[in-house]
Amino acid sequence: MLKGLIAVICALGLIGQAGGAEKAKQPRRLLYVVQTKGYHHASTETSLSAVTTLGRKSGAFTTTITDDASIITADLLKKFDAVMFFTTGELPMNDSQKKAFMDFIKSGKGFIGIHCATDTFYKWPEYGEMIGGYFAGHPWHQDVTIKIEDPHFPGLNFLGDSFRFKEEVYQYKNWSRDKVHVLLSLDNSSVDVNKGRRADKDYAIAWCKKHGKGRVLFQGMGHEPDAWKDKHFQRMILDGIRWAMGDLPDRVPIENPTK
């Protein structure tokens, strides 16, 4: 169904028009890449409507959706302020396209990785460095308690100290708290922590960082279709995208992440 939907949008020339009527201030532009070369999440289709609607209703951005990463080129990226990945596997991008993608981010643009974006491009080390780590299993798929580590970050300042959520919680390799600014983390008391494999028992769920001049946000939530219907999660996504685009201020020490 997803490929059919994308094909129809492209054929009609409507791709990228999801933002509706322009407002006085030109909205930003988001490229949302949802190609999967591995496990395909059922929540992907739900996220398309959610992200498009959030951008349109807020007037903050228009959304262009593609399930073909091979369209990414330097010329295409000039049209966008941020790229968001809900992806898996080795996507069809050659070395020239990969360089253009990284140059885009390092020049000061935004990148948002959703859930399985860390399950992408294992054979491209700079991608892992940019996003902050790689997927290394999901020990828990249940209701969990998620701790707010930075309540001042956009989209998190209304949640209190923690909240309950049904989620597939990832653990990561090539990841260190020293290299990112952690925003959300697992409350280990809410799970059988012995199912995890990290010696430090540090299970981050969302973080942000810089890559060059660019703003990078990884949001590990989003496995469940119902997550994308949750108003609190939608707020996190909307404000996270706006932050990555540079429309919300840096209120965290991204250059010198917390230890």
C-alpha atoms as a PDB file:
ATOM      1  CA  MET A   1       0.000   0.000   0.000  1.00  0.00           C
ATOM      2  CA  LEU A   2       2.799   2.419   0.825  1.00  0.00           C
ATOM      3  CA  LYS A   3       4.484   2.150  -2.567  1.00  0.00           C
ATOM      4  CA  GLY A   4       1.120   2.582  -4.279  1.00  0.00           C
ATOM      5  CA  LEU A   5       0.419   5.694  -2.260  1.00  0.00           C
ATOM      6  CA  ILE A   6       3.787   7.231  -3.068  1.00  0.00           C
ATOM      7  CA  ALA A   7       3.414   6.347  -6.743  1.00  0.00           C
ATOM      8  CA  VAL A   8       0.032   8.088  -6.909  1.00  0.00           C
ATOM      9  CA  ILE A   9       1.349  11.203  -5.200  1.00  0.00           C
ATOM     10  CA  CYS A  10       4.310  11.390  -7.575  1.00  0.00           C
ATOM     11  CA  ALA A  11       2.215  10.704 -10.655  1.00  0.00           C
ATOM     12  CA  LEU A  12      -0.195  13.499  -9.822  1.00  0.00           C
ATOM     13  CA  GLY A  13       2.633  15.937  -9.197  1.00  0.00           C
ATOM     14  CA  LEU A  14       1.378  16.507  -5.687  1.00  0.00           C
ATOM     15  CA  ILE A  15       4.424  15.365  -3.759  1.00  0.00           C
ATOM     16  CA  GLY A  16       5.558  18.130  -1.454  1.00  0.00           C
ATOM     17  CA  GLN A  17       2.225  19.964  -1.501  1.00  0.00           C
ATOM     18  CA  ALA A  18       0.957  18.539   1.764  1.00  0.00           C
ATOM     19  CA  GLY A  19       1.417  21.818   3.601  1.00  0.00           C
ATOM     20  CA  GLY A  20      -1.642  23.461   2.027  1.00  0.00           C
ATOM     21  CA  ALA A  21      -1.940  27.205   1.486  1.00  0.00           C
ATOM     22  CA  GLU A  22       1.155  29.253   2.161  1.00  0.00           C
ATOM     23  CA  LYS A  23       1.075  31.687   5.039  1.00  0.00           C
ATOM     24  CA  ALA A  24       2.701  35.072   5.248  1.00  0.00           C
ATOM     25  CA  LYS A  25       5.900  33.418   6.361  1.00  0.00           C
ATOM     26  CA  GLN A  26       7.110  30.777   3.917  1.00  0.00           C
ATOM     27  CA  PRO A  27       6.960  27.417   5.724  1.00  0.00           C
ATOM     28  CA  ARG A  28      10.030  25.251   5.969  1.00  0.00           C
ATOM     29  CA  ARG A  29      10.305  22.112   3.862  1.00  0.00           C
ATOM     30  CA  LEU A  30      10.772  18.568   5.184  1.00  0.00           C
ATOM     31  CA  LEU A  31      11.836  15.551   3.126  1.00  0.00           C
ATOM     32  CA  TYR A  32      10.446  12.441   4.821  1.00  0.00           C
ATOM     33  CA  VAL A  33      12.171   9.226   3.687  1.00  0.00           C
ATOM     34  CA  VAL A  34      10.351   5.997   4.578  1.00  0.00           C
ATOM     35  CA  GLN A  35      12.166   3.373   2.504  1.00  0.00           C
ATOM     36  CA  THR A  36      12.791   0.026   4.182  1.00  0.00           C
ATOM     37  CA  LYS A  37      15.364  -2.525   3.081  1.00  0.00           C
ATOM     38  CA  GLY A  38      14.757  -4.665   6.138  1.00  0.00           C
ATOM     39  CA  TYR A  39      11.878  -4.861   8.611  1.00  0.00           C
ATOM     40  CA  HIS A  40       8.935  -2.643   7.645  1.00  0.00           C
ATOM     41  CA  HIS A  41       7.096  -1.097  10.591  1.00  0.00           C
ATOM     42  CA  ALA A  42       3.308  -1.040  10.450  1.00  0.00           C
ATOM     43  CA  SER A  43       3.419   2.422  12.008  1.00  0.00           C
ATOM     44  CA  THR A  44       5.129   3.858   8.925  1.00  0.00           C
ATOM     45  CA  GLU A  45       1.860   4.496   7.107  1.00  0.00           C
ATOM     46  CA  THR A  46       0.303   6.060  10.215  1.00  0.00           C
ATOM     47  CA  SER A  47       3.286   8.376  10.549  1.00  0.00           C
ATOM     48  CA  LEU A  48       2.829   9.749   7.016  1.00  0.00           C
ATOM     49  CA  SER A  49      -0.539  11.249   7.844  1.00  0.00           C
ATOM     50  CA  ALA A  50       0.580  12.405  11.288  1.00  0.00           C
ATOM     51  CA  VAL A  51       3.695  14.251  10.105  1.00  0.00           C
ATOM     52  CA  THR A  52       1.963  15.801   7.105  1.00  0.00           C
ATOM     53  CA  THR A  53      -0.940  16.992   9.245  1.00  0.00           C
ATOM     54  CA  LEU A  54       1.325  18.376  11.976  1.00  0.00           C
ATOM     55  CA  GLY A  55       3.223  20.457   9.433  1.00  0.00           C
ATOM     56  CA  ARG A  56       0.095  21.707   7.712  1.00  0.00           C
ATOM     57  CA  LYS A  57      -1.920  22.592  10.827  1.00  0.00           C
ATOM     58  CA  SER A  58       0.995  24.332  12.531  1.00  0.00           C
ATOM     59  CA  GLY A  59       2.039  26.136   9.352  1.00  0.00           C
ATOM     60  CA  ALA A  60       5.620  25.265  10.303  1.00  0.00           C
ATOM     61  CA  PHE A  61       6.560  23.096   7.322  1.00  0.00           C
ATOM     62  CA  THR A  62       5.384  21.265   4.227  1.00  0.00           C
ATOM     63  CA  THR A  63       6.154  17.591   3.850  1.00  0.00           C
ATOM     64  CA  THR A  64       7.500  15.715   0.844  1.00  0.00           C
ATOM     65  CA  ILE A  65       7.316  11.935   1.233  1.00  0.00           C
ATOM     66  CA  THR A  66       9.394   9.383  -0.637  1.00  0.00           C
ATOM     67  CA  ASP A  67      10.058   5.672  -0.289  1.00  0.00           C
ATOM     68  CA  ASP A  68      13.022   5.874  -2.663  1.00  0.00           C
ATOM     69  CA  ALA A  69      16.243   7.238  -1.180  1.00  0.00           C
ATOM     70  CA  SER A  70      17.884   7.038  -4.599  1.00  0.00           C
ATOM     71  CA  ILE A  71      16.263  10.384  -5.469  1.00  0.00           C
ATOM     72  CA  ILE A  72      18.469  12.170  -2.904  1.00  0.00           C
ATOM     73  CA  THR A  73      20.983  14.429  -4.671  1.00  0.00           C
ATOM     74  CA  ALA A  74      22.693  17.716  -3.901  1.00  0.00           C
ATOM     75  CA  ASP A  75      20.255  19.556  -6.182  1.00  0.00           C
ATOM     76  CA  LEU A  76      17.205  17.982  -4.555  1.00  0.00           C
ATOM     77  CA  LEU A  77      18.430  18.724  -1.034  1.00  0.00           C
ATOM     78  CA  LYS A  78      18.714  22.450  -1.862  1.00  0.00           C
ATOM     79  CA  LYS A  79      14.919  22.533  -1.680  1.00  0.00           C
ATOM     80  CA  PHE A  80      14.724  21.331   1.926  1.00  0.00           C
ATOM     81  CA  ASP A  81      15.491  22.495   5.445  1.00  0.00           C
ATOM     82  CA  ALA A  82      15.582  19.055   7.048  1.00  0.00           C
ATOM     83  CA  VAL A  83      15.444  15.363   6.185  1.00  0.00           C
ATOM     84  CA  MET A  84      13.679  12.780   8.336  1.00  0.00           C
ATOM     85  CA  PHE A  85      14.339   9.024   8.140  1.00  0.00           C
ATOM     86  CA  PHE A  86      11.978   6.210   9.189  1.00  0.00           C
ATOM     87  CA  THR A  87      14.101   3.598   7.429  1.00  0.00           C
ATOM     88  CA  THR A  88      15.889   0.265   7.681  1.00  0.00           C
ATOM     89  CA  GLY A  89      18.783  -1.400   5.893  1.00  0.00           C
ATOM     90  CA  GLU A  90      21.255  -0.244   3.268  1.00  0.00           C
ATOM     91  CA  LEU A  91      19.401   2.371   1.235  1.00  0.00           C
ATOM     92  CA  PRO A  92      20.187   2.868  -2.483  1.00  0.00           C
ATOM     93  CA  MET A  93      22.538   5.859  -2.312  1.00  0.00           C
ATOM     94  CA  ASN A  94      25.944   5.943  -4.027  1.00  0.00           C
ATOM     95  CA  ASP A  95      29.049   7.656  -2.654  1.00  0.00           C
ATOM     96  CA  SER A  96      28.226  10.960  -4.372  1.00  0.00           C
ATOM     97  CA  GLN A  97      24.719  10.970  -2.917  1.00  0.00           C
ATOM     98  CA  LYS A  98      25.989  10.086   0.539  1.00  0.00           C
ATOM     99  CA  LYS A  99      28.482  12.968   0.417  1.00  0.00           C
ATOM    100  CA  ALA A 100      25.735  15.367  -0.668  1.00  0.00           C
ATOM    101  CA  PHE A 101      23.548  14.159   2.205  1.00  0.00           C
ATOM    102  CA  MET A 102      26.261  14.663   4.819  1.00  0.00           C
ATOM    103  CA  ASP A 103      27.284  18.017   3.339  1.00  0.00           C
ATOM    104  CA  PHE A 104      23.639  19.083   3.614  1.00  0.00           C
ATOM    105  CA  ILE A 105      23.552  18.306   7.329  1.00  0.00           C
ATOM    106  CA  LYS A 106      27.016  19.656   8.137  1.00  0.00           C
ATOM    107  CA  SER A 107      26.208  22.943   6.397  1.00  0.00           C
ATOM    108  CA  GLY A 108      23.602  23.705   9.053  1.00  0.00           C
ATOM    109  CA  LYS A 109      20.489  21.823   7.997  1.00  0.00           C
ATOM    110  CA  GLY A 110      18.502  19.367  10.085  1.00  0.00           C
ATOM    111  CA  PHE A 111      18.190  15.606  10.387  1.00  0.00           C
ATOM    112  CA  ILE A 112      15.533  13.716  12.347  1.00  0.00           C
ATOM    113  CA  GLY A 113      15.852   9.959  12.794  1.00  0.00           C
ATOM    114  CA  ILE A 114      12.762   8.038  13.872  1.00  0.00           C
ATOM    115  CA  HIS A 115      12.916   4.715  15.769  1.00  0.00           C
ATOM    116  CA  CYS A 116      14.533   2.358  13.249  1.00  0.00           C
ATOM    117  CA  ALA A 117      16.655   5.045  11.576  1.00  0.00           C
ATOM    118  CA  THR A 118      19.433   3.568  13.729  1.00  0.00           C
ATOM    119  CA  ASP A 119      18.789   0.252  11.939  1.00  0.00           C
ATOM    120  CA  THR A 120      20.038   1.839   8.714  1.00  0.00           C
ATOM    121  CA  PHE A 121      23.357   2.156   6.826  1.00  0.00           C
ATOM    122  CA  TYR A 122      25.471  -0.173   8.974  1.00  0.00           C
ATOM    123  CA  LYS A 123      28.061  -0.184   6.190  1.00  0.00           C
ATOM    124  CA  TRP A 124      28.399   3.620   6.229  1.00  0.00           C
ATOM    125  CA  PRO A 125      30.343   4.619   9.387  1.00  0.00           C
ATOM    126  CA  GLU A 126      29.743   8.362   9.021  1.00  0.00           C
ATOM    127  CA  TYR A 127      26.008   7.772   9.136  1.00  0.00           C
ATOM    128  CA  GLY A 128      26.408   5.966  12.452  1.00  0.00           C
ATOM    129  CA  GLU A 129      28.566   8.801  13.735  1.00  0.00           C
ATOM    130  CA  MET A 130      26.036  11.371  12.563  1.00  0.00           C
ATOM    131  CA  ILE A 131      22.973   9.728  14.103  1.00  0.00           C
ATOM    132  CA  GLY A 132      24.819   8.702  17.278  1.00  0.00           C
ATOM    133  CA  GLY A 133      24.730   4.890  17.268  1.00  0.00           C
ATOM    134  CA  TYR A 134      23.294   1.717  15.773  1.00  0.00           C
ATOM    135  CA  PHE A 135      20.435  -0.594  16.712  1.00  0.00           C
ATOM    136  CA  ALA A 136      21.588  -3.662  18.681  1.00  0.00           C
ATOM    137  CA  GLY A 137      18.345  -5.372  19.588  1.00  0.00           C
ATOM    138  CA  HIS A 138      15.051  -4.561  21.316  1.00  0.00           C
ATOM    139  CA  PRO A 139      14.894  -6.311  24.695  1.00  0.00           C
ATOM    140  CA  TRP A 140      11.559  -4.757  25.726  1.00  0.00           C
ATOM    141  CA  HIS A 141       8.257  -4.311  23.903  1.00  0.00           C
ATOM    142  CA  GLN A 142       5.796  -3.310  26.601  1.00  0.00           C
ATOM    143  CA  ASP A 143       4.468  -0.483  28.715  1.00  0.00           C
ATOM    144  CA  VAL A 144       7.532   1.258  30.136  1.00  0.00           C
ATOM    145  CA  THR A 145       8.338   4.337  32.165  1.00  0.00           C
ATOM    146  CA  ILE A 146      10.314   6.912  30.194  1.00  0.00           C
ATOM    147  CA  LYS A 147      12.353   9.491  32.068  1.00  0.00           C
ATOM    148  CA  ILE A 148      12.638  13.103  30.896  1.00  0.00           C
ATOM    149  CA  GLU A 149      16.328  13.963  31.110  1.00  0.00           C
ATOM    150  CA  ASP A 150      16.015  17.466  29.656  1.00  0.00           C
ATOM    151  CA  PRO A 151      12.614  19.045  30.391  1.00  0.00           C
ATOM    152  CA  HIS A 152      13.679  22.270  28.683  1.00  0.00           C
ATOM    153  CA  PHE A 153      14.056  20.717  25.252  1.00  0.00           C
ATOM    154  CA  PRO A 154      11.260  21.658  22.811  1.00  0.00           C
ATOM    155  CA  GLY A 155       8.318  19.286  23.032  1.00  0.00           C
ATOM    156  CA  LEU A 156       9.335  17.846  26.398  1.00  0.00           C
ATOM    157  CA  ASN A 157       8.591  20.697  28.785  1.00  0.00           C
ATOM    158  CA  PHE A 158       4.993  19.608  29.492  1.00  0.00           C
ATOM    159  CA  LEU A 159       5.607  15.967  30.449  1.00  0.00           C
ATOM    160  CA  GLY A 160       6.895  16.275  34.004  1.00  0.00           C
ATOM    161  CA  ASP A 161       9.654  13.972  35.229  1.00  0.00           C
ATOM    162  CA  SER A 162       8.457  10.829  33.437  1.00  0.00           C
ATOM    163  CA  PHE A 163       5.559   9.229  31.583  1.00  0.00           C
ATOM    164  CA  ARG A 164       4.238   5.770  30.727  1.00  0.00           C
ATOM    165  CA  PHE A 165       4.177   4.576  27.125  1.00  0.00           C
ATOM    166  CA  LYS A 166       3.882   1.315  25.209  1.00  0.00           C
ATOM    167  CA  GLU A 167       7.035   1.099  23.108  1.00  0.00           C
ATOM    168  CA  GLU A 168       9.603  -1.211  21.587  1.00  0.00           C
ATOM    169  CA  VAL A 169      12.718  -0.012  23.393  1.00  0.00           C
ATOM    170  CA  TYR A 170      16.005  -0.366  21.536  1.00  0.00           C
ATOM    171  CA  GLN A 171      19.499  -0.823  22.864  1.00  0.00           C
ATOM    172  CA  TYR A 172      22.421   0.586  20.879  1.00  0.00           C
ATOM    173  CA  LYS A 173      25.989  -0.152  19.909  1.00  0.00           C
ATOM    174  CA  ASN A 174      28.652   2.416  19.002  1.00  0.00           C
ATOM    175  CA  TRP A 175      26.697   4.731  21.294  1.00  0.00           C
ATOM    176  CA  SER A 176      27.970   6.748  24.233  1.00  0.00           C
ATOM    177  CA  ARG A 177      26.320   9.322  26.462  1.00  0.00           C
ATOM    178  CA  ASP A 178      29.536  11.314  26.105  1.00  0.00           C
ATOM    179  CA  LYS A 179      28.812  11.897  22.395  1.00  0.00           C
ATOM    180  CA  VAL A 180      25.161  12.938  22.548  1.00  0.00           C
ATOM    181  CA  HIS A 181      22.813  14.988  24.683  1.00  0.00           C
ATOM    182  CA  VAL A 182      20.266  12.532  26.102  1.00  0.00           C
ATOM    183  CA  LEU A 183      16.664  13.745  26.150  1.00  0.00           C
ATOM    184  CA  LEU A 184      14.699  10.617  27.112  1.00  0.00           C
ATOM    185  CA  SER A 185      15.838   7.392  28.741  1.00  0.00           C
ATOM    186  CA  LEU A 186      14.372   4.179  30.049  1.00  0.00           C
ATOM    187  CA  ASP A 187      13.489   3.942  33.717  1.00  0.00           C
ATOM    188  CA  ASN A 188      15.151   0.596  34.378  1.00  0.00           C
ATOM    189  CA  SER A 189      12.871  -0.092  37.326  1.00  0.00           C
ATOM    190  CA  SER A 190       9.943  -0.447  34.891  1.00  0.00           C
ATOM    191  CA  VAL A 191      11.424  -3.464  33.056  1.00  0.00           C
ATOM    192  CA  ASP A 192      13.437  -6.621  33.609  1.00  0.00           C
ATOM    193  CA  VAL A 193      16.709  -4.810  33.042  1.00  0.00           C
ATOM    194  CA  ASN A 194      18.625  -8.091  32.870  1.00  0.00           C
ATOM    195  CA  LYS A 195      17.174  -8.630  29.388  1.00  0.00           C
ATOM    196  CA  GLY A 196      19.413  -5.818  28.136  1.00  0.00           C
ATOM    197  CA  ARG A 197      23.005  -6.351  27.068  1.00  0.00           C
ATOM    198  CA  ARG A 198      24.663  -3.035  27.889  1.00  0.00           C
ATOM    199  CA  ALA A 199      27.098  -3.370  30.772  1.00  0.00           C
ATOM    200  CA  ASP A 200      26.369   0.184  31.876  1.00  0.00           C
ATOM    201  CA  LYS A 201      22.587  -0.444  31.782  1.00  0.00           C
ATOM    202  CA  ASP A 202      22.194   2.963  30.118  1.00  0.00           C
ATOM    203  CA  TYR A 203      19.276   2.806  27.687  1.00  0.00           C
ATOM    204  CA  ALA A 204      18.674   6.156  26.016  1.00  0.00           C
ATOM    205  CA  ILE A 205      15.469   6.580  24.025  1.00  0.00           C
ATOM    206  CA  ALA A 206      15.961  10.014  22.445  1.00  0.00           C
ATOM    207  CA  TRP A 207      18.914  12.357  22.054  1.00  0.00           C
ATOM    208  CA  CYS A 208      20.228  15.299  20.076  1.00  0.00           C
ATOM    209  CA  LYS A 209      23.655  16.337  18.840  1.00  0.00           C
ATOM    210  CA  LYS A 210      25.482  18.414  16.280  1.00  0.00           C
ATOM    211  CA  HIS A 211      27.041  17.110  13.081  1.00  0.00           C
ATOM    212  CA  GLY A 212      29.107  19.924  11.699  1.00  0.00           C
ATOM    213  CA  LYS A 213      26.764  22.913  11.929  1.00  0.00           C
ATOM    214  CA  GLY A 214      23.679  20.746  11.559  1.00  0.00           C
ATOM    215  CA  ARG A 215      21.160  19.806  14.219  1.00  0.00           C
ATOM    216  CA  VAL A 216      20.545  16.075  14.616  1.00  0.00           C
ATOM    217  CA  LEU A 217      17.644  14.645  16.599  1.00  0.00           C
ATOM    218  CA  PHE A 218      17.033  10.954  17.167  1.00  0.00           C
ATOM    219  CA  GLN A 219      13.626   9.945  18.516  1.00  0.00           C
ATOM    220  CA  GLY A 220      13.576   6.250  19.389  1.00  0.00           C
ATOM    221  CA  MET A 221       9.826   6.094  19.951  1.00  0.00           C
ATOM    222  CA  GLY A 222       7.324   5.420  17.181  1.00  0.00           C
ATOM    223  CA  HIS A 223       7.139   1.620  16.820  1.00  0.00           C
ATOM    224  CA  GLU A 224       3.424   1.403  17.538  1.00  0.00           C
ATOM    225  CA  PRO A 225       0.869   2.885  15.101  1.00  0.00           C
ATOM    226  CA  ASP A 226      -1.013   4.266  18.127  1.00  0.00           C
ATOM    227  CA  ALA A 227       2.059   6.264  19.132  1.00  0.00           C
ATOM    228  CA  TRP A 228       1.524   8.513  16.112  1.00  0.00           C
ATOM    229  CA  LYS A 229      -2.024   9.235  17.272  1.00  0.00           C
ATOM    230  CA  ASP A 230      -0.886  10.246  20.762  1.00  0.00           C
ATOM    231  CA  LYS A 231      -1.055  14.021  21.258  1.00  0.00           C
ATOM    232  CA  HIS A 232       2.004  14.091  23.514  1.00  0.00           C
ATOM    233  CA  PHE A 233       4.100  12.143  21.020  1.00  0.00           C
ATOM    234  CA  GLN A 234       2.851  14.358  18.199  1.00  0.00           C
ATOM    235  CA  ARG A 235       3.999  17.391  20.175  1.00  0.00           C
ATOM    236  CA  MET A 236       7.449  15.823  20.574  1.00  0.00           C
ATOM    237  CA  ILE A 237       7.638  15.184  16.823  1.00  0.00           C
ATOM    238  CA  LEU A 238       6.422  18.641  15.794  1.00  0.00           C
ATOM    239  CA  ASP A 239       8.723  20.563  18.108  1.00  0.00           C
ATOM    240  CA  GLY A 240      11.601  18.184  17.368  1.00  0.00           C
ATOM    241  CA  ILE A 241      11.285  18.855  13.643  1.00  0.00           C
ATOM    242  CA  ARG A 242      11.054  22.609  14.234  1.00  0.00           C
ATOM    243  CA  TRP A 243      14.154  22.442  16.451  1.00  0.00           C
ATOM    244  CA  ALA A 244      16.112  20.512  13.817  1.00  0.00           C
ATOM    245  CA  MET A 245      15.115  23.120  11.235  1.00  0.00           C
ATOM    246  CA  GLY A 246      16.498  25.872  13.454  1.00  0.00           C
ATOM    247  CA  ASP A 247      13.141  27.474  14.239  1.00  0.00           C
ATOM    248  CA  LEU A 248      13.351  26.728  17.944  1.00  0.00           C
ATOM    249  CA  PRO A 249      16.383  27.818  19.961  1.00  0.00           C
ATOM    250  CA  ASP A 250      19.221  25.683  21.222  1.00  0.00           C
ATOM    251  CA  ARG A 251      18.370  25.396  24.894  1.00  0.00           C
ATOM    252  CA  VAL A 252      20.734  22.527  25.546  1.00  0.00           C
ATOM    253  CA  PRO A 253      24.544  22.345  25.556  1.00  0.00           C
ATOM    254  CA  ILE A 254      24.777  20.381  22.305  1.00  0.00           C
ATOM    255  CA  GLU A 255      28.382  21.376  21.641  1.00  0.00           C
ATOM    256  CA  ASN A 256      29.379  19.948  25.041  1.00  0.00           C
ATOM    257  CA  PRO A 257      26.877  17.158  25.775  1.00  0.00           C
ATOM    258  CA  THR A 258      26.189  16.063  29.294  1.00  0.00           C
ATOM    259  CA  LYS A 259      28.385  13.292  30.628  1.00  0.00           C
END
